[in-house]
């Protein structure tokens, strides 16, 4: 869920930058309900994706100094046990999997 929240924040930040309506970093972090440090991390993540982000001190806003588009698509599909075995070729279940054990009603250890 942490990754989903991060992607949502990246998309929110991107939209504000496109609109050139961010305000100062302090104002923007308040609008996004995150710390300034978290905001700077998001900006760095966008820069890692080659986003040409700049800051205009006169208008107090971030903007893109060039073309950049961010599209985030998330798809979640529930798989049955048989489908998971087919996807992972059975190797997924050869080791003890505590994540799956926590989801089952009773502990089952696969050796």
PDB file of N, CA and C in Angstrom:
ATOM      1  N   UNK A   1       0.814  -1.195   0.000  1.00  0.00           N
ATOM      2  CA  UNK A   1       0.000   0.000   0.000  1.00  0.00           C
ATOM      3  C   UNK A   1       0.860   1.262   0.000  1.00  0.00           C
ATOM      4  N   UNK A   2       2.058   1.146   0.546  1.00  0.00           N
ATOM      5  CA  UNK A   2       2.946   2.291   0.569  1.00  0.00           C
ATOM      6  C   UNK A   2       3.287   2.751  -0.849  1.00  0.00           C
ATOM      7  N   UNK A   3       3.507   1.769  -1.725  1.00  0.00           N
ATOM      8  CA  UNK A   3       3.840   2.096  -3.109  1.00  0.00           C
ATOM      9  C   UNK A   3       2.677   2.773  -3.817  1.00  0.00           C
ATOM     10  N   UNK A   4       1.457   2.327  -3.546  1.00  0.00           N
ATOM     11  CA  UNK A   4       0.285   2.949  -4.151  1.00  0.00           C
ATOM     12  C   UNK A   4       0.153   4.391  -3.698  1.00  0.00           C
ATOM     13  N   UNK A   5       0.368   4.633  -2.423  1.00  0.00           N
ATOM     14  CA  UNK A   5       0.285   5.992  -1.879  1.00  0.00           C
ATOM     15  C   UNK A   5       1.349   6.870  -2.531  1.00  0.00           C
ATOM     16  N   UNK A   6       2.539   6.337  -2.707  1.00  0.00           N
ATOM     17  CA  UNK A   6       3.615   7.084  -3.339  1.00  0.00           C
ATOM     18  C   UNK A   6       3.253   7.435  -4.787  1.00  0.00           C
ATOM     19  N   UNK A   7       2.674   6.476  -5.515  1.00  0.00           N
ATOM     20  CA  UNK A   7       2.273   6.736  -6.896  1.00  0.00           C
ATOM     21  C   UNK A   7       1.169   7.788  -6.973  1.00  0.00           C
ATOM     22  N   UNK A   8       0.236   7.731  -6.040  1.00  0.00           N
ATOM     23  CA  UNK A   8      -0.825   8.746  -5.990  1.00  0.00           C
ATOM     24  C   UNK A   8      -0.237  10.130  -5.745  1.00  0.00           C
ATOM     25  N   UNK A   9       0.723  10.205  -4.848  1.00  0.00           N
ATOM     26  CA  UNK A   9       1.356  11.490  -4.549  1.00  0.00           C
ATOM     27  C   UNK A   9       2.164  12.008  -5.737  1.00  0.00           C
ATOM     28  N   UNK A  10       2.859  11.094  -6.427  1.00  0.00           N
ATOM     29  CA  UNK A  10       3.597  11.501  -7.629  1.00  0.00           C
ATOM     30  C   UNK A  10       2.648  12.082  -8.667  1.00  0.00           C
ATOM     31  N   UNK A  11       1.515  11.432  -8.854  1.00  0.00           N
ATOM     32  CA  UNK A  11       0.543  11.909  -9.829  1.00  0.00           C
ATOM     33  C   UNK A  11      -0.038  13.259  -9.407  1.00  0.00           C
ATOM     34  N   UNK A  12      -0.331  13.414  -8.142  1.00  0.00           N
ATOM     35  CA  UNK A  12      -0.860  14.678  -7.628  1.00  0.00           C
ATOM     36  C   UNK A  12       0.162  15.797  -7.823  1.00  0.00           C
ATOM     37  N   UNK A  13       1.404  15.529  -7.498  1.00  0.00           N
ATOM     38  CA  UNK A  13       2.464  16.512  -7.675  1.00  0.00           C
ATOM     39  C   UNK A  13       2.617  16.871  -9.150  1.00  0.00           C
ATOM     40  N   UNK A  14       2.621  15.863 -10.013  1.00  0.00           N
ATOM     41  CA  UNK A  14       2.740  16.098 -11.452  1.00  0.00           C
ATOM     42  C   UNK A  14       1.630  17.026 -11.946  1.00  0.00           C
ATOM     43  N   UNK A  15       0.393  16.777 -11.533  1.00  0.00           N
ATOM     44  CA  UNK A  15      -0.728  17.614 -11.970  1.00  0.00           C
ATOM     45  C   UNK A  15      -0.555  19.067 -11.532  1.00  0.00           C
ATOM     46  N   UNK A  16      -0.090  19.271 -10.328  1.00  0.00           N
ATOM     47  CA  UNK A  16       0.127  20.643  -9.840  1.00  0.00           C
ATOM     48  C   UNK A  16       1.253  21.333 -10.607  1.00  0.00           C
ATOM     49  N   UNK A  17       2.302  20.571 -10.923  1.00  0.00           N
ATOM     50  CA  UNK A  17       3.418  21.148 -11.680  1.00  0.00           C
ATOM     51  C   UNK A  17       2.965  21.506 -13.092  1.00  0.00           C
ATOM     52  N   UNK A  18       2.189  20.637 -13.723  1.00  0.00           N
ATOM     53  CA  UNK A  18       1.667  20.916 -15.069  1.00  0.00           C
ATOM     54  C   UNK A  18       0.844  22.191 -15.055  1.00  0.00           C
ATOM     55  N   UNK A  19       0.040  22.391 -14.029  1.00  0.00           N
ATOM     56  CA  UNK A  19      -0.807  23.578 -13.918  1.00  0.00           C
ATOM     57  C   UNK A  19      -0.028  24.800 -13.428  1.00  0.00           C
ATOM     58  N   UNK A  20       1.236  24.592 -13.066  1.00  0.00           N
ATOM     59  CA  UNK A  20       2.083  25.638 -12.484  1.00  0.00           C
ATOM     60  C   UNK A  20       1.348  26.328 -11.337  1.00  0.00           C
ATOM     61  N   UNK A  21       0.859  25.483 -10.435  1.00  0.00           N
ATOM     62  CA  UNK A  21       0.062  25.946  -9.314  1.00  0.00           C
ATOM     63  C   UNK A  21       0.504  25.235  -8.044  1.00  0.00           C
ATOM     64  N   UNK A  22       1.805  25.289  -7.752  1.00  0.00           N
ATOM     65  CA  UNK A  22       2.295  24.545  -6.593  1.00  0.00           C
ATOM     66  C   UNK A  22       2.446  25.408  -5.355  1.00  0.00           C
ATOM     67  N   UNK A  23       2.796  26.656  -5.517  1.00  0.00           N
ATOM     68  CA  UNK A  23       3.136  27.485  -4.377  1.00  0.00           C
ATOM     69  C   UNK A  23       4.547  27.140  -3.913  1.00  0.00           C
ATOM     70  N   UNK A  24       4.913  27.638  -2.776  1.00  0.00           N
ATOM     71  CA  UNK A  24       6.239  27.360  -2.228  1.00  0.00           C
ATOM     72  C   UNK A  24       6.292  25.903  -1.780  1.00  0.00           C
ATOM     73  N   UNK A  25       7.486  25.356  -1.584  1.00  0.00           N
ATOM     74  CA  UNK A  25       7.564  23.974  -1.096  1.00  0.00           C
ATOM     75  C   UNK A  25       6.790  23.759   0.213  1.00  0.00           C
ATOM     76  N   UNK A  26       6.849  24.729   1.098  1.00  0.00           N
ATOM     77  CA  UNK A  26       6.119  24.610   2.365  1.00  0.00           C
ATOM     78  C   UNK A  26       4.611  24.569   2.119  1.00  0.00           C
ATOM     79  N   UNK A  27       4.110  25.464   1.248  1.00  0.00           N
ATOM     80  CA  UNK A  27       2.687  25.486   0.931  1.00  0.00           C
ATOM     81  C   UNK A  27       2.259  24.187   0.235  1.00  0.00           C
ATOM     82  N   UNK A  28       3.087  23.731  -0.691  1.00  0.00           N
ATOM     83  CA  UNK A  28       2.768  22.519  -1.438  1.00  0.00           C
ATOM     84  C   UNK A  28       2.735  21.291  -0.530  1.00  0.00           C
ATOM     85  N   UNK A  29       3.705  21.195   0.357  1.00  0.00           N
ATOM     86  CA  UNK A  29       3.716  20.046   1.265  1.00  0.00           C
ATOM     87  C   UNK A  29       2.491  20.075   2.183  1.00  0.00           C
ATOM     88  N   UNK A  30       2.059  21.260   2.582  1.00  0.00           N
ATOM     89  CA  UNK A  30       0.854  21.381   3.403  1.00  0.00           C
ATOM     90  C   UNK A  30      -0.375  20.955   2.602  1.00  0.00           C
ATOM     91  N   UNK A  31      -0.472  21.397   1.347  1.00  0.00           N
ATOM     92  CA  UNK A  31      -1.602  21.020   0.488  1.00  0.00           C
ATOM     93  C   UNK A  31      -1.673  19.512   0.280  1.00  0.00           C
ATOM     94  N   UNK A  32      -0.516  18.885   0.167  1.00  0.00           N
ATOM     95  CA  UNK A  32      -0.458  17.446  -0.088  1.00  0.00           C
ATOM     96  C   UNK A  32      -0.467  16.619   1.198  1.00  0.00           C
ATOM     97  N   UNK A  33      -0.491  17.288   2.341  1.00  0.00           N
ATOM     98  CA  UNK A  33      -0.476  16.620   3.651  1.00  0.00           C
ATOM     99  C   UNK A  33       0.738  15.721   3.835  1.00  0.00           C
ATOM    100  N   UNK A  34       1.889  16.225   3.429  1.00  0.00           N
ATOM    101  CA  UNK A  34       3.155  15.506   3.607  1.00  0.00           C
ATOM    102  C   UNK A  34       4.187  16.488   4.137  1.00  0.00           C
ATOM    103  N   UNK A  35       5.304  15.970   4.596  1.00  0.00           N
ATOM    104  CA  UNK A  35       6.375  16.837   5.083  1.00  0.00           C
ATOM    105  C   UNK A  35       7.132  17.424   3.890  1.00  0.00           C
ATOM    106  N   UNK A  36       7.868  18.488   4.139  1.00  0.00           N
ATOM    107  CA  UNK A  36       8.691  19.070   3.072  1.00  0.00           C
ATOM    108  C   UNK A  36       9.728  18.065   2.599  1.00  0.00           C
ATOM    109  N   UNK A  37      10.271  17.305   3.512  1.00  0.00           N
ATOM    110  CA  UNK A  37      11.256  16.282   3.148  1.00  0.00           C
ATOM    111  C   UNK A  37      10.648  15.258   2.185  1.00  0.00           C
ATOM    112  N   UNK A  38       9.415  14.829   2.481  1.00  0.00           N
ATOM    113  CA  UNK A  38       8.729  13.880   1.598  1.00  0.00           C
ATOM    114  C   UNK A  38       8.474  14.510   0.228  1.00  0.00           C
ATOM    115  N   UNK A  39       8.154  15.796   0.225  1.00  0.00           N
ATOM    116  CA  UNK A  39       7.950  16.507  -1.048  1.00  0.00           C
ATOM    117  C   UNK A  39       9.227  16.497  -1.873  1.00  0.00           C
ATOM    118  N   UNK A  40      10.352  16.809  -1.243  1.00  0.00           N
ATOM    119  CA  UNK A  40      11.621  16.827  -1.971  1.00  0.00           C
ATOM    120  C   UNK A  40      11.977  15.430  -2.494  1.00  0.00           C
ATOM    121  N   UNK A  41      11.602  14.396  -1.757  1.00  0.00           N
ATOM    122  CA  UNK A  41      11.836  13.022  -2.236  1.00  0.00           C
ATOM    123  C   UNK A  41      11.001  12.743  -3.487  1.00  0.00           C
ATOM    124  N   UNK A  42       9.745  13.210  -3.478  1.00  0.00           N
ATOM    125  CA  UNK A  42       8.890  13.034  -4.652  1.00  0.00           C
ATOM    126  C   UNK A  42       9.451  13.783  -5.861  1.00  0.00           C
ATOM    127  N   UNK A  43       9.944  14.986  -5.626  1.00  0.00           N
ATOM    128  CA  UNK A  43      10.540  15.769  -6.709  1.00  0.00           C
ATOM    129  C   UNK A  43      11.755  15.041  -7.269  1.00  0.00           C
ATOM    130  N   UNK A  44      12.558  14.459  -6.395  1.00  0.00           N
ATOM    131  CA  UNK A  44      13.722  13.695  -6.849  1.00  0.00           C
ATOM    132  C   UNK A  44      13.302  12.471  -7.654  1.00  0.00           C
ATOM    133  N   UNK A  45      12.208  11.828  -7.242  1.00  0.00           N
ATOM    134  CA  UNK A  45      11.719  10.674  -7.994  1.00  0.00           C
ATOM    135  C   UNK A  45      11.299  11.095  -9.399  1.00  0.00           C
ATOM    136  N   UNK A  46      10.632  12.246  -9.516  1.00  0.00           N
ATOM    137  CA  UNK A  46      10.257  12.737 -10.833  1.00  0.00           C
ATOM    138  C   UNK A  46      11.502  13.071 -11.656  1.00  0.00           C
ATOM    139  N   UNK A  47      12.494  13.660 -11.018  1.00  0.00           N
ATOM    140  CA  UNK A  47      13.740  13.974 -11.728  1.00  0.00           C
ATOM    141  C   UNK A  47      14.440  12.704 -12.186  1.00  0.00           C
ATOM    142  N   UNK A  48      14.351  11.650 -11.385  1.00  0.00           N
ATOM    143  CA  UNK A  48      14.922  10.356 -11.780  1.00  0.00           C
ATOM    144  C   UNK A  48      14.228   9.805 -13.021  1.00  0.00           C
ATOM    145  N   UNK A  49      12.973  10.219 -13.225  1.00  0.00           N
ATOM    146  CA  UNK A  49      12.216   9.823 -14.416  1.00  0.00           C
ATOM    147  C   UNK A  49      12.434  10.809 -15.562  1.00  0.00           C
ATOM    148  N   UNK A  50      13.476  11.614 -15.448  1.00  0.00           N
ATOM    149  CA  UNK A  50      13.886  12.636 -16.443  1.00  0.00           C
ATOM    150  C   UNK A  50      12.924  13.814 -16.560  1.00  0.00           C
ATOM    151  N   UNK A  51      12.190  14.105 -15.502  1.00  0.00           N
ATOM    152  CA  UNK A  51      11.309  15.273 -15.511  1.00  0.00           C
ATOM    153  C   UNK A  51      12.158  16.541 -15.382  1.00  0.00           C
ATOM    154  N   UNK A  52      11.989  17.491 -16.318  1.00  0.00           N
ATOM    155  CA  UNK A  52      12.765  18.733 -16.273  1.00  0.00           C
ATOM    156  C   UNK A  52      12.125  19.754 -15.325  1.00  0.00           C
ATOM    157  N   UNK A  53      12.180  19.490 -14.037  1.00  0.00           N
ATOM    158  CA  UNK A  53      11.515  20.335 -13.041  1.00  0.00           C
ATOM    159  C   UNK A  53      12.391  21.530 -12.685  1.00  0.00           C
ATOM    160  N   UNK A  54      11.766  22.700 -12.693  1.00  0.00           N
ATOM    161  CA  UNK A  54      12.425  23.940 -12.269  1.00  0.00           C
ATOM    162  C   UNK A  54      11.501  24.656 -11.289  1.00  0.00           C
ATOM    163  N   UNK A  55      12.058  25.637 -10.610  1.00  0.00           N
ATOM    164  CA  UNK A  55      11.264  26.429  -9.672  1.00  0.00           C
ATOM    165  C   UNK A  55      11.394  27.894 -10.037  1.00  0.00           C
ATOM    166  N   UNK A  56      10.264  28.596 -10.122  1.00  0.00           N
ATOM    167  CA  UNK A  56      10.241  30.023 -10.427  1.00  0.00           C
ATOM    168  C   UNK A  56      10.014  30.788  -9.126  1.00  0.00           C
ATOM    169  N   UNK A  57      11.037  31.518  -8.702  1.00  0.00           N
ATOM    170  CA  UNK A  57      10.937  32.242  -7.429  1.00  0.00           C
ATOM    171  C   UNK A  57      10.007  33.446  -7.507  1.00  0.00           C
ATOM    172  N   UNK A  58       9.833  34.004  -8.694  1.00  0.00           N
ATOM    173  CA  UNK A  58       8.932  35.152  -8.849  1.00  0.00           C
ATOM    174  C   UNK A  58       7.470  34.753  -8.660  1.00  0.00           C
ATOM    175  N   UNK A  59       7.071  33.650  -9.279  1.00  0.00           N
ATOM    176  CA  UNK A  59       5.678  33.212  -9.174  1.00  0.00           C
ATOM    177  C   UNK A  59       5.490  32.108  -8.127  1.00  0.00           C
ATOM    178  N   UNK A  60       6.570  31.743  -7.448  1.00  0.00           N
ATOM    179  CA  UNK A  60       6.523  30.708  -6.401  1.00  0.00           C
ATOM    180  C   UNK A  60       5.810  29.441  -6.864  1.00  0.00           C
ATOM    181  N   UNK A  61       6.342  28.845  -7.907  1.00  0.00           N
ATOM    182  CA  UNK A  61       5.766  27.602  -8.387  1.00  0.00           C
ATOM    183  C   UNK A  61       6.815  26.747  -9.080  1.00  0.00           C
ATOM    184  N   UNK A  62       6.615  25.437  -9.000  1.00  0.00           N
ATOM    185  CA  UNK A  62       7.428  24.515  -9.790  1.00  0.00           C
ATOM    186  C   UNK A  62       6.808  24.450 -11.174  1.00  0.00           C
ATOM    187  N   UNK A  63       7.629  24.168 -12.172  1.00  0.00           N
ATOM    188  CA  UNK A  63       7.141  24.003 -13.540  1.00  0.00           C
ATOM    189  C   UNK A  63       8.090  23.079 -14.283  1.00  0.00           C
ATOM    190  N   UNK A  64       7.604  22.571 -15.413  1.00  0.00           N
ATOM    191  CA  UNK A  64       8.444  21.744 -16.273  1.00  0.00           C
ATOM    192  C   UNK A  64       9.083  22.629 -17.322  1.00  0.00           C
ATOM    193  N   UNK A  65      10.389  22.546 -17.413  1.00  0.00           N
ATOM    194  CA  UNK A  65      11.136  23.306 -18.409  1.00  0.00           C
ATOM    195  C   UNK A  65      11.355  22.414 -19.635  1.00  0.00           C
ATOM    196  N   UNK A  66      10.273  22.009 -20.260  1.00  0.00           N
ATOM    197  CA  UNK A  66      10.328  21.101 -21.392  1.00  0.00           C
ATOM    198  C   UNK A  66       9.176  20.124 -21.320  1.00  0.00           C
ATOM    199  N   UNK A  67       9.105  19.253 -22.303  1.00  0.00           N
ATOM    200  CA  UNK A  67       8.016  18.276 -22.360  1.00  0.00           C
ATOM    201  C   UNK A  67       8.251  17.151 -21.356  1.00  0.00           C
ATOM    202  N   UNK A  68       7.206  16.833 -20.634  1.00  0.00           N
ATOM    203  CA  UNK A  68       7.232  15.682 -19.728  1.00  0.00           C
ATOM    204  C   UNK A  68       5.807  15.277 -19.441  1.00  0.00           C
ATOM    205  N   UNK A  69       5.543  14.012 -19.564  1.00  0.00           N
ATOM    206  CA  UNK A  69       4.217  13.487 -19.249  1.00  0.00           C
ATOM    207  C   UNK A  69       4.379  12.275 -18.344  1.00  0.00           C
ATOM    208  N   UNK A  70       3.533  12.181 -17.349  1.00  0.00           N
ATOM    209  CA  UNK A  70       3.553  11.069 -16.413  1.00  0.00           C
ATOM    210  C   UNK A  70       2.198  10.382 -16.481  1.00  0.00           C
ATOM    211  N   UNK A  71       2.217   9.097 -16.810  1.00  0.00           N
ATOM    212  CA  UNK A  71       0.989   8.324 -16.848  1.00  0.00           C
ATOM    213  C   UNK A  71       1.167   7.117 -15.943  1.00  0.00           C
ATOM    214  N   UNK A  72       0.293   7.008 -14.974  1.00  0.00           N
ATOM    215  CA  UNK A  72       0.359   5.900 -14.018  1.00  0.00           C
ATOM    216  C   UNK A  72      -0.902   5.072 -14.156  1.00  0.00           C
ATOM    217  N   UNK A  73      -0.726   3.794 -14.466  1.00  0.00           N
ATOM    218  CA  UNK A  73      -1.837   2.852 -14.566  1.00  0.00           C
ATOM    219  C   UNK A  73      -1.580   1.705 -13.615  1.00  0.00           C
ATOM    220  N   UNK A  74      -2.585   1.379 -12.831  1.00  0.00           N
ATOM    221  CA  UNK A  74      -2.455   0.286 -11.870  1.00  0.00           C
ATOM    222  C   UNK A  74      -3.577  -0.704 -12.130  1.00  0.00           C
ATOM    223  N   UNK A  75      -3.218  -1.966 -12.197  1.00  0.00           N
ATOM    224  CA  UNK A  75      -4.206  -3.012 -12.410  1.00  0.00           C
ATOM    225  C   UNK A  75      -4.010  -4.079 -11.333  1.00  0.00           C
ATOM    226  N   UNK A  76      -5.082  -4.440 -10.679  1.00  0.00           N
ATOM    227  CA  UNK A  76      -5.026  -5.459  -9.635  1.00  0.00           C
ATOM    228  C   UNK A  76      -5.969  -6.590 -10.034  1.00  0.00           C
ATOM    229  N   UNK A  77      -5.443  -7.800 -10.011  1.00  0.00           N
ATOM    230  CA  UNK A  77      -6.239  -8.968 -10.366  1.00  0.00           C
ATOM    231  C   UNK A  77      -6.049 -10.037  -9.297  1.00  0.00           C
ATOM    232  N   UNK A  78      -7.137 -10.586  -8.828  1.00  0.00           N
ATOM    233  CA  UNK A  78      -7.061 -11.684  -7.857  1.00  0.00           C
ATOM    234  C   UNK A  78      -6.893 -12.989  -8.619  1.00  0.00           C
ATOM    235  N   UNK A  79      -5.922 -13.787  -8.208  1.00  0.00           N
ATOM    236  CA  UNK A  79      -5.651 -15.069  -8.853  1.00  0.00           C
ATOM    237  C   UNK A  79      -6.011 -16.210  -7.912  1.00  0.00           C
ATOM    238  N   UNK A  80      -6.519 -17.292  -8.486  1.00  0.00           N
ATOM    239  CA  UNK A  80      -6.768 -18.495  -7.690  1.00  0.00           C
ATOM    240  C   UNK A  80      -5.431 -19.197  -7.475  1.00  0.00           C
ATOM    241  N   UNK A  81      -5.406 -20.183  -6.584  1.00  0.00           N
ATOM    242  CA  UNK A  81      -4.167 -20.924  -6.328  1.00  0.00           C
ATOM    243  C   UNK A  81      -3.639 -21.573  -7.598  1.00  0.00           C
ATOM    244  N   UNK A  82      -4.526 -22.153  -8.411  1.00  0.00           N
ATOM    245  CA  UNK A  82      -4.098 -22.800  -9.655  1.00  0.00           C
ATOM    246  C   UNK A  82      -3.477 -21.800 -10.614  1.00  0.00           C
ATOM    247  N   UNK A  83      -4.048 -20.607 -10.700  1.00  0.00           N
ATOM    248  CA  UNK A  83      -3.502 -19.583 -11.590  1.00  0.00           C
ATOM    249  C   UNK A  83      -2.131 -19.114 -11.110  1.00  0.00           C
ATOM    250  N   UNK A  84      -1.969 -18.982  -9.788  1.00  0.00           N
ATOM    251  CA  UNK A  84      -0.682 -18.574  -9.234  1.00  0.00           C
ATOM    252  C   UNK A  84       0.374 -19.630  -9.522  1.00  0.00           C
ATOM    253  N   UNK A  85       0.012 -20.900  -9.380  1.00  0.00           N
ATOM    254  CA  UNK A  85       0.952 -21.995  -9.665  1.00  0.00           C
ATOM    255  C   UNK A  85       1.383 -21.935 -11.130  1.00  0.00           C
ATOM    256  N   UNK A  86       0.438 -21.671 -12.037  1.00  0.00           N
ATOM    257  CA  UNK A  86       0.766 -21.572 -13.457  1.00  0.00           C
ATOM    258  C   UNK A  86       1.694 -20.386 -13.721  1.00  0.00           C
ATOM    259  N   UNK A  87       1.418 -19.245 -13.106  1.00  0.00           N
ATOM    260  CA  UNK A  87       2.233 -18.043 -13.320  1.00  0.00           C
ATOM    261  C   UNK A  87       3.656 -18.259 -12.819  1.00  0.00           C
ATOM    262  N   UNK A  88       3.793 -18.826 -11.633  1.00  0.00           N
ATOM    263  CA  UNK A  88       5.115 -19.006 -11.035  1.00  0.00           C
ATOM    264  C   UNK A  88       5.698 -20.387 -11.328  1.00  0.00           C
ATOM    265  N   UNK A  89       5.021 -21.200 -12.086  1.00  0.00           N
ATOM    266  CA  UNK A  89       5.521 -22.523 -12.426  1.00  0.00           C
ATOM    267  C   UNK A  89       5.710 -23.419 -11.223  1.00  0.00           C
ATOM    268  N   UNK A  90       4.988 -23.142 -10.149  1.00  0.00           N
ATOM    269  CA  UNK A  90       5.106 -23.952  -8.950  1.00  0.00           C
ATOM    270  C   UNK A  90       6.258 -23.551  -8.049  1.00  0.00           C
ATOM    271  N   UNK A  91       7.244 -22.810  -8.566  1.00  0.00           N
ATOM    272  CA  UNK A  91       8.419 -22.463  -7.768  1.00  0.00           C
ATOM    273  C   UNK A  91       8.083 -21.532  -6.618  1.00  0.00           C
ATOM    274  N   UNK A  92       7.001 -20.794  -6.738  1.00  0.00           N
ATOM    275  CA  UNK A  92       6.593 -19.856  -5.700  1.00  0.00           C
ATOM    276  C   UNK A  92       6.278 -20.587  -4.400  1.00  0.00           C
ATOM    277  N   UNK A  93       5.811 -21.820  -4.514  1.00  0.00           N
ATOM    278  CA  UNK A  93       5.379 -22.566  -3.345  1.00  0.00           C
ATOM    279  C   UNK A  93       6.419 -23.544  -2.831  1.00  0.00           C
ATOM    280  N   UNK A  94       7.608 -23.558  -3.406  1.00  0.00           N
ATOM    281  CA  UNK A  94       8.635 -24.492  -2.961  1.00  0.00           C
ATOM    282  C   UNK A  94       9.293 -24.052  -1.662  1.00  0.00           C
ATOM    283  N   UNK A  95       9.181 -22.802  -1.321  1.00  0.00           N
ATOM    284  CA  UNK A  95       9.775 -22.321  -0.072  1.00  0.00           C
ATOM    285  C   UNK A  95       8.647 -21.974   0.897  1.00  0.00           C
ATOM    286  N   UNK A  96       8.997 -21.834   2.156  1.00  0.00           N
ATOM    287  CA  UNK A  96       8.004 -21.407   3.129  1.00  0.00           C
ATOM    288  C   UNK A  96       7.614 -19.982   2.792  1.00  0.00           C
ATOM    289  N   UNK A  97       6.352 -19.729   2.678  1.00  0.00           N
ATOM    290  CA  UNK A  97       5.870 -18.410   2.314  1.00  0.00           C
ATOM    291  C   UNK A  97       5.011 -17.875   3.454  1.00  0.00           C
ATOM    292  N   UNK A  98       5.602 -17.064   4.299  1.00  0.00           N
ATOM    293  CA  UNK A  98       4.899 -16.571   5.476  1.00  0.00           C
ATOM    294  C   UNK A  98       3.789 -15.603   5.110  1.00  0.00           C
ATOM    295  N   UNK A  99       3.917 -14.894   3.976  1.00  0.00           N
ATOM    296  CA  UNK A  99       2.862 -13.973   3.570  1.00  0.00           C
ATOM    297  C   UNK A  99       1.576 -14.736   3.284  1.00  0.00           C
ATOM    298  N   UNK A 100       1.686 -15.821   2.517  1.00  0.00           N
ATOM    299  CA  UNK A 100       0.502 -16.615   2.213  1.00  0.00           C
ATOM    300  C   UNK A 100      -0.026 -17.316   3.454  1.00  0.00           C
ATOM    301  N   UNK A 101       0.878 -17.729   4.338  1.00  0.00           N
ATOM    302  CA  UNK A 101       0.447 -18.405   5.549  1.00  0.00           C
ATOM    303  C   UNK A 101      -0.384 -17.471   6.407  1.00  0.00           C
ATOM    304  N   UNK A 102      -0.004 -16.194   6.444  1.00  0.00           N
ATOM    305  CA  UNK A 102      -0.750 -15.229   7.231  1.00  0.00           C
ATOM    306  C   UNK A 102      -2.142 -15.005   6.679  1.00  0.00           C
ATOM    307  N   UNK A 103      -2.331 -15.232   5.371  1.00  0.00           N
ATOM    308  CA  UNK A 103      -3.622 -15.026   4.756  1.00  0.00           C
ATOM    309  C   UNK A 103      -4.530 -16.239   4.868  1.00  0.00           C
ATOM    310  N   UNK A 104      -3.953 -17.400   5.160  1.00  0.00           N
ATOM    311  CA  UNK A 104      -4.749 -18.633   5.263  1.00  0.00           C
ATOM    312  C   UNK A 104      -5.371 -18.713   6.654  1.00  0.00           C
ATOM    313  N   UNK A 105      -6.455 -19.500   6.759  1.00  0.00           N
ATOM    314  CA  UNK A 105      -7.101 -19.623   8.057  1.00  0.00           C
ATOM    315  C   UNK A 105      -6.295 -20.485   9.022  1.00  0.00           C
ATOM    316  N   UNK A 106      -5.539 -21.418   8.494  1.00  0.00           N
ATOM    317  CA  UNK A 106      -4.686 -22.240   9.347  1.00  0.00           C
ATOM    318  C   UNK A 106      -3.301 -22.333   8.704  1.00  0.00           C
ATOM    319  N   UNK A 107      -2.231 -22.372   9.511  1.00  0.00           N
ATOM    320  CA  UNK A 107      -0.893 -22.405   8.946  1.00  0.00           C
ATOM    321  C   UNK A 107      -0.628 -23.684   8.166  1.00  0.00           C
ATOM    322  N   UNK A 108      -0.110 -23.540   6.966  1.00  0.00           N
ATOM    323  CA  UNK A 108       0.255 -24.675   6.128  1.00  0.00           C
ATOM    324  C   UNK A 108       1.680 -24.445   5.678  1.00  0.00           C
ATOM    325  N   UNK A 109       2.575 -25.367   5.982  1.00  0.00           N
ATOM    326  CA  UNK A 109       3.969 -25.240   5.609  1.00  0.00           C
ATOM    327  C   UNK A 109       4.251 -26.118   4.419  1.00  0.00           C
ATOM    328  N   UNK A 110       4.828 -25.531   3.410  1.00  0.00           N
ATOM    329  CA  UNK A 110       5.162 -26.273   2.199  1.00  0.00           C
ATOM    330  C   UNK A 110       6.654 -26.447   2.158  1.00  0.00           C
ATOM    331  N   UNK A 111       7.110 -27.661   2.100  1.00  0.00           N
ATOM    332  CA  UNK A 111       8.540 -27.926   2.104  1.00  0.00           C
ATOM    333  C   UNK A 111       9.028 -28.332   0.740  1.00  0.00           C
TER     334      UNK A 111
END
